[in-house]
Structure formats: structure tokens, C-alpha cells
Amino acid sequence: MFRHPREVTAFNAGRYAWVKKRMERLDVVPGDGTTTVYSLGTLYGAWPDGAAFEGNRYVDRFTVRDGLIVSMEVWNDSAERLLDRQGAAA
């Protein structure tokens, strides 16, 4: 679990040479005191060795309270794609 945005940036610096998002959909789910926002789409960019990639699915889930993001969860296909590149995927 990351405690600060710079920790996420440091983690991704080792995973990607660069990465960007194609946001395809935003879903907002109002709640009692909190709102949940889902961002869905794909990632594109380059791996550390410079090889390009695209179509890497992602979902980001934000919990918002009093106008502030209080938590963020991220799911994407990067780990599976990295394993596949190394010939280790099942």
C-alpha cells in the first residue's frame, strides 16, 4: 500500500519507461458520505527496454470524502504482460 503519490511514481518508474492512459469511461457512484469514482480504459507506453505496448486494460477506483480523494485502488494487466514477455505466463 502506497501512502503518498510519490511512492506510486517511484514504483512505476521501475515498471515503465513511460506510460499514459486512454480513459474510456468514468462511473460515479454516490454514497452516504462518500462517493466512489471508477476510471476505466487502457494504458499505452513503453517498457523499460523501450518496447512499445498498448491496450493494457486498467481500472482505477477512487473513494472521495468531503471533496478529497481518501483512497485509490488500481488494477491493470501490466504484471501479466511482463510475465508473458519473460515467457513465464501460464
PDB file of N, CA and C in Angstrom:
ATOM      1  N   MET A   1       0.844  -1.171   0.000  1.00  0.00           N
ATOM      2  CA  MET A   1       0.000   0.000   0.000  1.00  0.00           C
ATOM      3  C   MET A   1       0.897   1.244   0.000  1.00  0.00           C
ATOM      4  N   PHE A   2       0.605   2.138  -0.912  1.00  0.00           N
ATOM      5  CA  PHE A   2       1.355   3.386  -1.000  1.00  0.00           C
ATOM      6  C   PHE A   2       0.684   4.433  -0.123  1.00  0.00           C
ATOM      7  N   ARG A   3       1.497   5.229   0.546  1.00  0.00           N
ATOM      8  CA  ARG A   3       0.977   6.268   1.446  1.00  0.00           C
ATOM      9  C   ARG A   3       1.013   7.660   0.826  1.00  0.00           C
ATOM     10  N   HIS A   4       1.759   7.816  -0.273  1.00  0.00           N
ATOM     11  CA  HIS A   4       1.907   9.141  -0.883  1.00  0.00           C
ATOM     12  C   HIS A   4       2.031   8.970  -2.402  1.00  0.00           C
ATOM     13  N   PRO A   5       1.526   9.918  -3.201  1.00  0.00           N
ATOM     14  CA  PRO A   5       1.627   9.805  -4.660  1.00  0.00           C
ATOM     15  C   PRO A   5       3.051   9.595  -5.170  1.00  0.00           C
ATOM     16  N   ARG A   6       4.051  10.149  -4.508  1.00  0.00           N
ATOM     17  CA  ARG A   6       5.430   9.964  -4.988  1.00  0.00           C
ATOM     18  C   ARG A   6       5.867   8.498  -4.909  1.00  0.00           C
ATOM     19  N   GLU A   7       5.267   7.720  -3.999  1.00  0.00           N
ATOM     20  CA  GLU A   7       5.585   6.292  -3.920  1.00  0.00           C
ATOM     21  C   GLU A   7       5.062   5.552  -5.149  1.00  0.00           C
ATOM     22  N   VAL A   8       3.908   5.949  -5.626  1.00  0.00           N
ATOM     23  CA  VAL A   8       3.349   5.354  -6.846  1.00  0.00           C
ATOM     24  C   VAL A   8       4.250   5.692  -8.029  1.00  0.00           C
ATOM     25  N   THR A   9       4.677   6.943  -8.101  1.00  0.00           N
ATOM     26  CA  THR A   9       5.561   7.383  -9.185  1.00  0.00           C
ATOM     27  C   THR A   9       6.873   6.604  -9.170  1.00  0.00           C
ATOM     28  N   ALA A  10       7.446   6.411  -7.998  1.00  0.00           N
ATOM     29  CA  ALA A  10       8.702   5.658  -7.883  1.00  0.00           C
ATOM     30  C   ALA A  10       8.517   4.210  -8.312  1.00  0.00           C
ATOM     31  N   PHE A  11       7.416   3.592  -7.922  1.00  0.00           N
ATOM     32  CA  PHE A  11       7.139   2.210  -8.317  1.00  0.00           C
ATOM     33  C   PHE A  11       7.018   2.111  -9.840  1.00  0.00           C
ATOM     34  N   ASN A  12       6.249   3.024 -10.434  1.00  0.00           N
ATOM     35  CA  ASN A  12       6.037   2.977 -11.884  1.00  0.00           C
ATOM     36  C   ASN A  12       7.298   3.313 -12.670  1.00  0.00           C
ATOM     37  N   ALA A  13       8.213   4.078 -12.098  1.00  0.00           N
ATOM     38  CA  ALA A  13       9.467   4.400 -12.784  1.00  0.00           C
ATOM     39  C   ALA A  13      10.276   3.139 -13.073  1.00  0.00           C
ATOM     40  N   GLY A  14      10.151   2.131 -12.241  1.00  0.00           N
ATOM     41  CA  GLY A  14      10.840   0.869 -12.485  1.00  0.00           C
ATOM     42  C   GLY A  14      10.093  -0.066 -13.418  1.00  0.00           C
ATOM     43  N   ARG A  15       8.814   0.166 -13.584  1.00  0.00           N
ATOM     44  CA  ARG A  15       7.974  -0.712 -14.401  1.00  0.00           C
ATOM     45  C   ARG A  15       7.864  -0.240 -15.849  1.00  0.00           C
ATOM     46  N   TYR A  16       7.873   1.071 -16.060  1.00  0.00           N
ATOM     47  CA  TYR A  16       7.677   1.639 -17.393  1.00  0.00           C
ATOM     48  C   TYR A  16       8.764   2.676 -17.706  1.00  0.00           C
ATOM     49  N   ALA A  17       9.148   2.766 -18.994  1.00  0.00           N
ATOM     50  CA  ALA A  17       9.957   3.906 -19.432  1.00  0.00           C
ATOM     51  C   ALA A  17       9.063   5.148 -19.430  1.00  0.00           C
ATOM     52  N   TRP A  18       7.823   4.963 -19.893  1.00  0.00           N
ATOM     53  CA  TRP A  18       6.773   5.966 -19.805  1.00  0.00           C
ATOM     54  C   TRP A  18       5.431   5.286 -19.996  1.00  0.00           C
ATOM     55  N   VAL A  19       4.382   5.895 -19.479  1.00  0.00           N
ATOM     56  CA  VAL A  19       3.041   5.311 -19.581  1.00  0.00           C
ATOM     57  C   VAL A  19       2.004   6.431 -19.563  1.00  0.00           C
ATOM     58  N   LYS A  20       0.937   6.237 -20.345  1.00  0.00           N
ATOM     59  CA  LYS A  20      -0.191   7.178 -20.383  1.00  0.00           C
ATOM     60  C   LYS A  20      -1.484   6.372 -20.404  1.00  0.00           C
ATOM     61  N   LYS A  21      -2.570   7.062 -20.085  1.00  0.00           N
ATOM     62  CA  LYS A  21      -3.891   6.417 -20.036  1.00  0.00           C
ATOM     63  C   LYS A  21      -4.777   6.924 -21.157  1.00  0.00           C
ATOM     64  N   ARG A  22      -5.577   6.001 -21.691  1.00  0.00           N
ATOM     65  CA  ARG A  22      -6.706   6.346 -22.557  1.00  0.00           C
ATOM     66  C   ARG A  22      -7.949   6.072 -21.723  1.00  0.00           C
ATOM     67  N   MET A  23      -8.497   7.131 -21.151  1.00  0.00           N
ATOM     68  CA  MET A  23      -9.694   6.970 -20.321  1.00  0.00           C
ATOM     69  C   MET A  23     -10.900   6.777 -21.228  1.00  0.00           C
ATOM     70  N   GLU A  24     -11.547   5.633 -21.070  1.00  0.00           N
ATOM     71  CA  GLU A  24     -12.684   5.315 -21.923  1.00  0.00           C
ATOM     72  C   GLU A  24     -14.016   5.563 -21.227  1.00  0.00           C
ATOM     73  N   ARG A  25     -14.008   5.497 -19.884  1.00  0.00           N
ATOM     74  CA  ARG A  25     -15.271   5.636 -19.162  1.00  0.00           C
ATOM     75  C   ARG A  25     -15.008   6.068 -17.723  1.00  0.00           C
ATOM     76  N   LEU A  26     -15.863   6.930 -17.206  1.00  0.00           N
ATOM     77  CA  LEU A  26     -15.872   7.285 -15.789  1.00  0.00           C
ATOM     78  C   LEU A  26     -17.245   6.947 -15.233  1.00  0.00           C
ATOM     79  N   ASP A  27     -17.290   6.217 -14.136  1.00  0.00           N
ATOM     80  CA  ASP A  27     -18.539   5.902 -13.450  1.00  0.00           C
ATOM     81  C   ASP A  27     -18.466   6.517 -12.061  1.00  0.00           C
ATOM     82  N   VAL A  28     -19.536   7.197 -11.659  1.00  0.00           N
ATOM     83  CA  VAL A  28     -19.606   7.830 -10.352  1.00  0.00           C
ATOM     84  C   VAL A  28     -20.730   7.167  -9.567  1.00  0.00           C
ATOM     85  N   VAL A  29     -20.398   6.705  -8.357  1.00  0.00           N
ATOM     86  CA  VAL A  29     -21.373   6.027  -7.504  1.00  0.00           C
ATOM     87  C   VAL A  29     -21.498   6.816  -6.201  1.00  0.00           C
ATOM     88  N   PRO A  30     -22.557   7.620  -6.074  1.00  0.00           N
ATOM     89  CA  PRO A  30     -22.744   8.383  -4.843  1.00  0.00           C
ATOM     90  C   PRO A  30     -23.050   7.440  -3.681  1.00  0.00           C
ATOM     91  N   GLY A  31     -22.584   7.821  -2.511  1.00  0.00           N
ATOM     92  CA  GLY A  31     -22.844   7.028  -1.319  1.00  0.00           C
ATOM     93  C   GLY A  31     -23.206   7.928  -0.163  1.00  0.00           C
ATOM     94  N   ASP A  32     -23.330   7.339   1.005  1.00  0.00           N
ATOM     95  CA  ASP A  32     -23.664   8.080   2.215  1.00  0.00           C
ATOM     96  C   ASP A  32     -22.376   8.636   2.818  1.00  0.00           C
ATOM     97  N   GLY A  33     -22.021   9.867   2.462  1.00  0.00           N
ATOM     98  CA  GLY A  33     -20.811  10.488   2.978  1.00  0.00           C
ATOM     99  C   GLY A  33     -19.577  10.288   2.112  1.00  0.00           C
ATOM    100  N   THR A  34     -19.618   9.336   1.199  1.00  0.00           N
ATOM    101  CA  THR A  34     -18.503   9.115   0.280  1.00  0.00           C
ATOM    102  C   THR A  34     -19.048   8.913  -1.125  1.00  0.00           C
ATOM    103  N   THR A  35     -18.208   9.188  -2.097  1.00  0.00           N
ATOM    104  CA  THR A  35     -18.521   8.916  -3.495  1.00  0.00           C
ATOM    105  C   THR A  35     -17.410   8.050  -4.040  1.00  0.00           C
ATOM    106  N   THR A  36     -17.763   7.037  -4.811  1.00  0.00           N
ATOM    107  CA  THR A  36     -16.779   6.173  -5.453  1.00  0.00           C
ATOM    108  C   THR A  36     -16.755   6.493  -6.938  1.00  0.00           C
ATOM    109  N   VAL A  37     -15.552   6.708  -7.462  1.00  0.00           N
ATOM    110  CA  VAL A  37     -15.380   7.027  -8.877  1.00  0.00           C
ATOM    111  C   VAL A  37     -14.501   5.956  -9.500  1.00  0.00           C
ATOM    112  N   TYR A  38     -14.976   5.375 -10.600  1.00  0.00           N
ATOM    113  CA  TYR A  38     -14.215   4.381 -11.349  1.00  0.00           C
ATOM    114  C   TYR A  38     -13.763   4.992 -12.664  1.00  0.00           C
ATOM    115  N   SER A  39     -12.495   4.851 -12.989  1.00  0.00           N
ATOM    116  CA  SER A  39     -11.945   5.245 -14.278  1.00  0.00           C
ATOM    117  C   SER A  39     -11.517   3.961 -14.980  1.00  0.00           C
ATOM    118  N   LEU A  40     -12.048   3.713 -16.161  1.00  0.00           N
ATOM    119  CA  LEU A  40     -11.739   2.507 -16.917  1.00  0.00           C
ATOM    120  C   LEU A  40     -11.168   2.876 -18.272  1.00  0.00           C
ATOM    121  N   GLY A  41     -10.203   2.100 -18.730  1.00  0.00           N
ATOM    122  CA  GLY A  41      -9.616   2.350 -20.033  1.00  0.00           C
ATOM    123  C   GLY A  41      -8.424   1.469 -20.283  1.00  0.00           C
ATOM    124  N   THR A  42      -7.479   1.985 -21.051  1.00  0.00           N
ATOM    125  CA  THR A  42      -6.276   1.219 -21.383  1.00  0.00           C
ATOM    126  C   THR A  42      -5.039   2.089 -21.196  1.00  0.00           C
ATOM    127  N   LEU A  43      -3.932   1.418 -20.961  1.00  0.00           N
ATOM    128  CA  LEU A  43      -2.637   2.080 -20.858  1.00  0.00           C
ATOM    129  C   LEU A  43      -1.868   1.868 -22.155  1.00  0.00           C
ATOM    130  N   TYR A  44      -1.022   2.831 -22.486  1.00  0.00           N
ATOM    131  CA  TYR A  44      -0.082   2.670 -23.592  1.00  0.00           C
ATOM    132  C   TYR A  44       1.223   3.331 -23.188  1.00  0.00           C
ATOM    133  N   GLY A  45       2.314   2.878 -23.770  1.00  0.00           N
ATOM    134  CA  GLY A  45       3.605   3.452 -23.410  1.00  0.00           C
ATOM    135  C   GLY A  45       4.744   2.572 -23.858  1.00  0.00           C
ATOM    136  N   ALA A  46       5.796   2.537 -23.030  1.00  0.00           N
ATOM    137  CA  ALA A  46       6.976   1.724 -23.339  1.00  0.00           C
ATOM    138  C   ALA A  46       7.483   1.076 -22.058  1.00  0.00           C
ATOM    139  N   TRP A  47       7.939  -0.155 -22.196  1.00  0.00           N
ATOM    140  CA  TRP A  47       8.578  -0.861 -21.099  1.00  0.00           C
ATOM    141  C   TRP A  47       9.977  -0.276 -20.893  1.00  0.00           C
ATOM    142  N   PRO A  48      10.633  -0.624 -19.802  1.00  0.00           N
ATOM    143  CA  PRO A  48      11.976  -0.062 -19.551  1.00  0.00           C
ATOM    144  C   PRO A  48      12.972  -0.289 -20.695  1.00  0.00           C
ATOM    145  N   ASP A  49      12.803  -1.385 -21.450  1.00  0.00           N
ATOM    146  CA  ASP A  49      13.726  -1.649 -22.559  1.00  0.00           C
ATOM    147  C   ASP A  49      13.365  -0.872 -23.830  1.00  0.00           C
ATOM    148  N   GLY A  50      12.308  -0.044 -23.751  1.00  0.00           N
ATOM    149  CA  GLY A  50      11.904   0.779 -24.888  1.00  0.00           C
ATOM    150  C   GLY A  50      10.844   0.154 -25.772  1.00  0.00           C
ATOM    151  N   ALA A  51      10.511  -1.125 -25.559  1.00  0.00           N
ATOM    152  CA  ALA A  51       9.481  -1.790 -26.369  1.00  0.00           C
ATOM    153  C   ALA A  51       8.120  -1.157 -26.087  1.00  0.00           C
ATOM    154  N   ALA A  52       7.414  -0.813 -27.153  1.00  0.00           N
ATOM    155  CA  ALA A  52       6.109  -0.177 -27.025  1.00  0.00           C
ATOM    156  C   ALA A  52       5.039  -1.191 -26.624  1.00  0.00           C
ATOM    157  N   PHE A  53       4.011  -0.697 -25.931  1.00  0.00           N
ATOM    158  CA  PHE A  53       2.835  -1.522 -25.641  1.00  0.00           C
ATOM    159  C   PHE A  53       1.608  -0.628 -25.711  1.00  0.00           C
ATOM    160  N   GLU A  54       0.459  -1.269 -25.882  1.00  0.00           N
ATOM    161  CA  GLU A  54      -0.822  -0.563 -25.852  1.00  0.00           C
ATOM    162  C   GLU A  54      -1.915  -1.572 -25.547  1.00  0.00           C
ATOM    163  N   GLY A  55      -3.086  -1.077 -25.219  1.00  0.00           N
ATOM    164  CA  GLY A  55      -4.215  -1.960 -24.951  1.00  0.00           C
ATOM    165  C   GLY A  55      -4.165  -2.648 -23.603  1.00  0.00           C
ATOM    166  N   ASN A  56      -3.331  -2.176 -22.704  1.00  0.00           N
ATOM    167  CA  ASN A  56      -3.199  -2.745 -21.362  1.00  0.00           C
ATOM    168  C   ASN A  56      -4.373  -2.219 -20.525  1.00  0.00           C
ATOM    169  N   ARG A  57      -5.341  -3.083 -20.214  1.00  0.00           N
ATOM    170  CA  ARG A  57      -6.549  -2.642 -19.514  1.00  0.00           C
ATOM    171  C   ARG A  57      -6.240  -2.166 -18.092  1.00  0.00           C
ATOM    172  N   TYR A  58      -6.992  -1.165 -17.635  1.00  0.00           N
ATOM    173  CA  TYR A  58      -6.856  -0.714 -16.250  1.00  0.00           C
ATOM    174  C   TYR A  58      -8.217  -0.318 -15.678  1.00  0.00           C
ATOM    175  N   VAL A  59      -8.312  -0.381 -14.360  1.00  0.00           N
ATOM    176  CA  VAL A  59      -9.428   0.176 -13.597  1.00  0.00           C
ATOM    177  C   VAL A  59      -8.818   0.905 -12.409  1.00  0.00           C
ATOM    178  N   ASP A  60      -9.165   2.163 -12.233  1.00  0.00           N
ATOM    179  CA  ASP A  60      -8.792   2.921 -11.045  1.00  0.00           C
ATOM    180  C   ASP A  60     -10.072   3.202 -10.268  1.00  0.00           C
ATOM    181  N   ARG A  61     -10.004   2.977  -8.963  1.00  0.00           N
ATOM    182  CA  ARG A  61     -11.163   3.237  -8.101  1.00  0.00           C
ATOM    183  C   ARG A  61     -10.756   4.259  -7.042  1.00  0.00           C
ATOM    184  N   PHE A  62     -11.457   5.379  -7.025  1.00  0.00           N
ATOM    185  CA  PHE A  62     -11.189   6.453  -6.077  1.00  0.00           C
ATOM    186  C   PHE A  62     -12.346   6.545  -5.091  1.00  0.00           C
ATOM    187  N   THR A  63     -12.035   6.682  -3.821  1.00  0.00           N
ATOM    188  CA  THR A  63     -13.040   6.984  -2.807  1.00  0.00           C
ATOM    189  C   THR A  63     -12.860   8.446  -2.425  1.00  0.00           C
ATOM    190  N   VAL A  64     -13.946   9.219  -2.536  1.00  0.00           N
ATOM    191  CA  VAL A  64     -13.906  10.658  -2.294  1.00  0.00           C
ATOM    192  C   VAL A  64     -14.805  10.987  -1.096  1.00  0.00           C
ATOM    193  N   ARG A  65     -14.237  11.739  -0.157  1.00  0.00           N
ATOM    194  CA  ARG A  65     -14.986  12.196   1.014  1.00  0.00           C
ATOM    195  C   ARG A  65     -14.687  13.678   1.223  1.00  0.00           C
ATOM    196  N   ASP A  66     -15.724  14.479   1.373  1.00  0.00           N
ATOM    197  CA  ASP A  66     -15.572  15.923   1.580  1.00  0.00           C
ATOM    198  C   ASP A  66     -14.698  16.567   0.499  1.00  0.00           C
ATOM    199  N   GLY A  67     -14.839  16.103  -0.743  1.00  0.00           N
ATOM    200  CA  GLY A  67     -14.113  16.685  -1.858  1.00  0.00           C
ATOM    201  C   GLY A  67     -12.668  16.249  -1.995  1.00  0.00           C
ATOM    202  N   LEU A  68     -12.224  15.330  -1.138  1.00  0.00           N
ATOM    203  CA  LEU A  68     -10.837  14.856  -1.178  1.00  0.00           C
ATOM    204  C   LEU A  68     -10.785  13.370  -1.494  1.00  0.00           C
ATOM    205  N   ILE A  69      -9.794  12.968  -2.271  1.00  0.00           N
ATOM    206  CA  ILE A  69      -9.572  11.545  -2.519  1.00  0.00           C
ATOM    207  C   ILE A  69      -8.949  10.956  -1.257  1.00  0.00           C
ATOM    208  N   VAL A  70      -9.649   9.994  -0.644  1.00  0.00           N
ATOM    209  CA  VAL A  70      -9.142   9.387   0.587  1.00  0.00           C
ATOM    210  C   VAL A  70      -8.535   8.009   0.347  1.00  0.00           C
ATOM    211  N   SER A  71      -8.845   7.403  -0.790  1.00  0.00           N
ATOM    212  CA  SER A  71      -8.173   6.150  -1.159  1.00  0.00           C
ATOM    213  C   SER A  71      -8.253   5.966  -2.665  1.00  0.00           C
ATOM    214  N   MET A  72      -7.282   5.205  -3.174  1.00  0.00           N
ATOM    215  CA  MET A  72      -7.216   4.903  -4.601  1.00  0.00           C
ATOM    216  C   MET A  72      -6.741   3.461  -4.742  1.00  0.00           C
ATOM    217  N   GLU A  73      -7.443   2.703  -5.535  1.00  0.00           N
ATOM    218  CA  GLU A  73      -7.044   1.333  -5.837  1.00  0.00           C
ATOM    219  C   GLU A  73      -6.866   1.222  -7.347  1.00  0.00           C
ATOM    220  N   VAL A  74      -5.869   0.455  -7.767  1.00  0.00           N
ATOM    221  CA  VAL A  74      -5.513   0.359  -9.177  1.00  0.00           C
ATOM    222  C   VAL A  74      -5.386  -1.106  -9.573  1.00  0.00           C
ATOM    223  N   TRP A  75      -5.995  -1.456 -10.683  1.00  0.00           N
ATOM    224  CA  TRP A  75      -5.827  -2.780 -11.269  1.00  0.00           C
ATOM    225  C   TRP A  75      -5.468  -2.591 -12.733  1.00  0.00           C
ATOM    226  N   ASN A  76      -4.512  -3.391 -13.238  1.00  0.00           N
ATOM    227  CA  ASN A  76      -4.197  -3.366 -14.668  1.00  0.00           C
ATOM    228  C   ASN A  76      -3.521  -4.679 -15.060  1.00  0.00           C
ATOM    229  N   ASP A  77      -3.302  -4.834 -16.347  1.00  0.00           N
ATOM    230  CA  ASP A  77      -2.735  -6.070 -16.900  1.00  0.00           C
ATOM    231  C   ASP A  77      -1.212  -6.067 -16.962  1.00  0.00           C
ATOM    232  N   SER A  78      -0.540  -5.090 -16.384  1.00  0.00           N
ATOM    233  CA  SER A  78       0.910  -4.969 -16.541  1.00  0.00           C
ATOM    234  C   SER A  78       1.675  -6.186 -16.041  1.00  0.00           C
ATOM    235  N   ALA A  79       1.338  -6.701 -14.875  1.00  0.00           N
ATOM    236  CA  ALA A  79       2.087  -7.847 -14.339  1.00  0.00           C
ATOM    237  C   ALA A  79       1.991  -9.043 -15.286  1.00  0.00           C
ATOM    238  N   GLU A  80       0.799  -9.327 -15.777  1.00  0.00           N
ATOM    239  CA  GLU A  80       0.624 -10.454 -16.695  1.00  0.00           C
ATOM    240  C   GLU A  80       1.395 -10.229 -17.993  1.00  0.00           C
ATOM    241  N   ARG A  81       1.366  -9.012 -18.491  1.00  0.00           N
ATOM    242  CA  ARG A  81       2.095  -8.719 -19.728  1.00  0.00           C
ATOM    243  C   ARG A  81       3.601  -8.839 -19.527  1.00  0.00           C
ATOM    244  N   LEU A  82       4.098  -8.389 -18.367  1.00  0.00           N
ATOM    245  CA  LEU A  82       5.530  -8.520 -18.079  1.00  0.00           C
ATOM    246  C   LEU A  82       5.913  -9.998 -17.970  1.00  0.00           C
ATOM    247  N   LEU A  83       5.092 -10.795 -17.309  1.00  0.00           N
ATOM    248  CA  LEU A  83       5.364 -12.235 -17.208  1.00  0.00           C
ATOM    249  C   LEU A  83       5.346 -12.881 -18.594  1.00  0.00           C
ATOM    250  N   ASP A  84       4.396 -12.490 -19.409  1.00  0.00           N
ATOM    251  CA  ASP A  84       4.291 -13.033 -20.762  1.00  0.00           C
ATOM    252  C   ASP A  84       5.535 -12.694 -21.583  1.00  0.00           C
ATOM    253  N   ARG A  85       6.039 -11.480 -21.442  1.00  0.00           N
ATOM    254  CA  ARG A  85       7.264 -11.064 -22.162  1.00  0.00           C
ATOM    255  C   ARG A  85       8.457 -11.890 -21.739  1.00  0.00           C
ATOM    256  N   GLN A  86       8.450 -12.355 -20.484  1.00  0.00           N
ATOM    257  CA  GLN A  86       9.561 -13.142 -19.958  1.00  0.00           C
ATOM    258  C   GLN A  86       9.365 -14.640 -20.167  1.00  0.00           C
ATOM    259  N   GLY A  87       8.237 -15.001 -20.821  1.00  0.00           N
ATOM    260  CA  GLY A  87       7.950 -16.404 -21.070  1.00  0.00           C
ATOM    261  C   GLY A  87       7.491 -17.149 -19.836  1.00  0.00           C
ATOM    262  N   ALA A  88       7.033 -16.441 -18.816  1.00  0.00           N
ATOM    263  CA  ALA A  88       6.646 -17.084 -17.560  1.00  0.00           C
ATOM    264  C   ALA A  88       5.151 -17.178 -17.367  1.00  0.00           C
ATOM    265  N   ALA A  89       4.363 -16.694 -18.318  1.00  0.00           N
ATOM    266  CA  ALA A  89       2.905 -16.731 -18.161  1.00  0.00           C
ATOM    267  C   ALA A  89       2.402 -18.149 -18.322  1.00  0.00           C
ATOM    268  N   ALA A  90       1.327 -18.432 -17.607  1.00  0.00           N
ATOM    269  CA  ALA A  90       0.738 -19.792 -17.648  1.00  0.00           C
ATOM    270  C   ALA A  90      -0.084 -19.986 -18.888  1.00  0.00           C
TER     271      ALA A  90
END
